[in-house]
Protein backbone atom coordinates (compact mmCIF):
# COMPACT_ATOMS: atom_id res chain seq x y z
CA MET A 1 -2.81 -16.27 -5.63
CA ILE A 2 -2.03 -12.62 -6.21
CA GLU A 3 1.63 -11.79 -6.74
CA ILE A 4 2.58 -8.33 -5.54
CA GLU A 5 5.59 -6.68 -7.09
CA HIS A 6 7.53 -3.77 -5.57
CA ILE A 7 8.75 -1.30 -8.19
CA ALA A 8 10.98 0.83 -5.96
CA GLU A 9 12.11 3.22 -8.70
CA ARG A 10 8.44 4.10 -9.36
CA GLY A 11 7.40 4.15 -5.71
CA ARG A 12 4.80 1.49 -6.34
CA PHE A 13 3.48 -1.84 -5.18
CA GLN A 14 1.48 -3.47 -7.94
CA ALA A 15 -0.29 -6.61 -9.00
CA ARG A 16 -1.82 -7.71 -12.28
CA VAL A 17 -5.08 -9.54 -11.75
CA GLU A 18 -6.99 -10.84 -14.74
CA GLY A 19 -4.81 -8.59 -16.89
CA LEU A 20 -5.73 -5.43 -14.93
CA LEU A 21 -3.22 -3.32 -13.02
CA CYS A 22 -3.80 -2.68 -9.31
CA VAL A 23 -1.50 -0.24 -7.51
CA ALA A 24 -0.47 1.38 -4.24
CA ASP A 25 1.76 4.38 -4.91
CA TYR A 26 4.07 6.05 -2.41
CA ARG A 27 6.73 8.73 -2.07
CA LEU A 28 9.76 8.59 0.20
CA HIS A 29 10.96 11.63 2.14
CA GLY A 30 13.90 10.56 4.24
CA HIS A 31 12.52 7.97 6.66
CA ARG A 32 8.91 8.79 5.84
CA MET A 33 6.80 6.84 3.40
CA GLU A 34 3.81 8.81 2.13
CA ILE A 35 1.29 6.38 0.68
CA VAL A 36 -0.54 8.62 -1.74
CA HIS A 37 -2.84 6.46 -3.84
CA THR A 38 -4.35 3.01 -4.16
CA GLU A 39 -6.33 1.88 -7.14
CA VAL A 40 -8.09 -1.34 -8.04
CA PRO A 41 -10.18 -1.40 -11.23
CA PRO A 42 -13.95 -1.69 -10.57
CA PRO A 43 -14.29 -5.23 -12.00
CA LEU A 44 -11.88 -6.43 -9.27
CA ALA A 45 -13.44 -4.52 -6.36
CA GLY A 46 -14.28 -6.39 -3.18
CA ARG A 47 -11.63 -9.08 -3.51
CA GLY A 48 -9.21 -7.68 -0.92
CA ILE A 49 -6.62 -6.69 -3.50
CA ALA A 50 -6.17 -3.15 -2.17
CA ALA A 51 -5.72 -4.55 1.33
CA ARG A 52 -2.98 -6.89 0.10
CA LEU A 53 -1.19 -4.02 -1.64
CA VAL A 54 -1.38 -1.84 1.46
CA ARG A 55 -0.24 -4.70 3.68
CA ALA A 56 2.80 -5.18 1.40
CA ALA A 57 3.60 -1.46 1.59
CA LEU A 58 3.29 -1.43 5.38
CA THR A 59 5.43 -4.54 5.70
CA HIS A 60 8.06 -2.80 3.57
CA ALA A 61 7.85 0.27 5.83
CA ARG A 62 8.26 -1.83 8.97
CA THR A 63 11.18 -3.82 7.52
CA ASN A 64 12.96 -0.62 6.52
CA ALA A 65 12.18 1.39 9.69
CA LEU A 66 10.04 3.90 7.79
CA GLU A 67 7.32 6.03 9.32
CA VAL A 68 4.08 6.02 7.34
CA VAL A 69 2.05 9.06 6.32
CA PRO A 70 -1.26 7.69 4.97
CA LEU A 71 -2.34 10.40 2.53
CA CYS A 72 -4.67 7.99 0.74
CA SER A 73 -8.09 7.66 2.41
CA TYR A 74 -8.12 3.90 1.87
CA VAL A 75 -4.78 3.54 3.66
CA ARG A 76 -6.01 5.69 6.56
CA ALA A 77 -9.09 3.48 6.89
CA TYR A 78 -7.00 0.30 6.61
CA MET A 79 -4.67 1.47 9.38
CA ARG A 80 -7.63 2.38 11.63
CA ARG A 81 -9.04 -1.13 11.14
CA HIS A 82 -5.67 -2.75 11.90
CA PRO A 83 -4.37 -1.46 15.25
CA ASP A 84 -1.15 -3.43 14.81
CA THR A 85 -0.13 -0.85 12.17
CA GLN A 86 -0.55 2.21 14.41
CA ASP A 87 3.08 2.17 15.51
CA LEU A 88 4.09 2.92 11.91
CA LEU A 89 2.31 6.29 11.85
CA ALA A 90 4.58 9.30 11.55
C-alpha cells in the first residue's frame, strides 16, 4: 500500500516508495489549484504511483471547492482519461 502525504506548506502531495520520493506539486491562487509537476523516479514507473498522487490532489481540490489548472502534461492526460474530473477544470 502506498501512503500519500499532503504537505500543504510546500504545495505537495508525496509518497515514499522503496525509499524513493514521488511527488505532485501545486500552487494555489485563490480558489485555483495549479498542478505544475508530477515526478516518479524511473525505477518505479508503470506502477500507477503518479495516478494515485494526482487522484489525491484532485480529491483535495474537490473537497475544498478548488478549480484545477493542469499545467503538468501528465495531469492534463489523466483528466482527459477520467471524465469524472472534468468539472474541476478552471
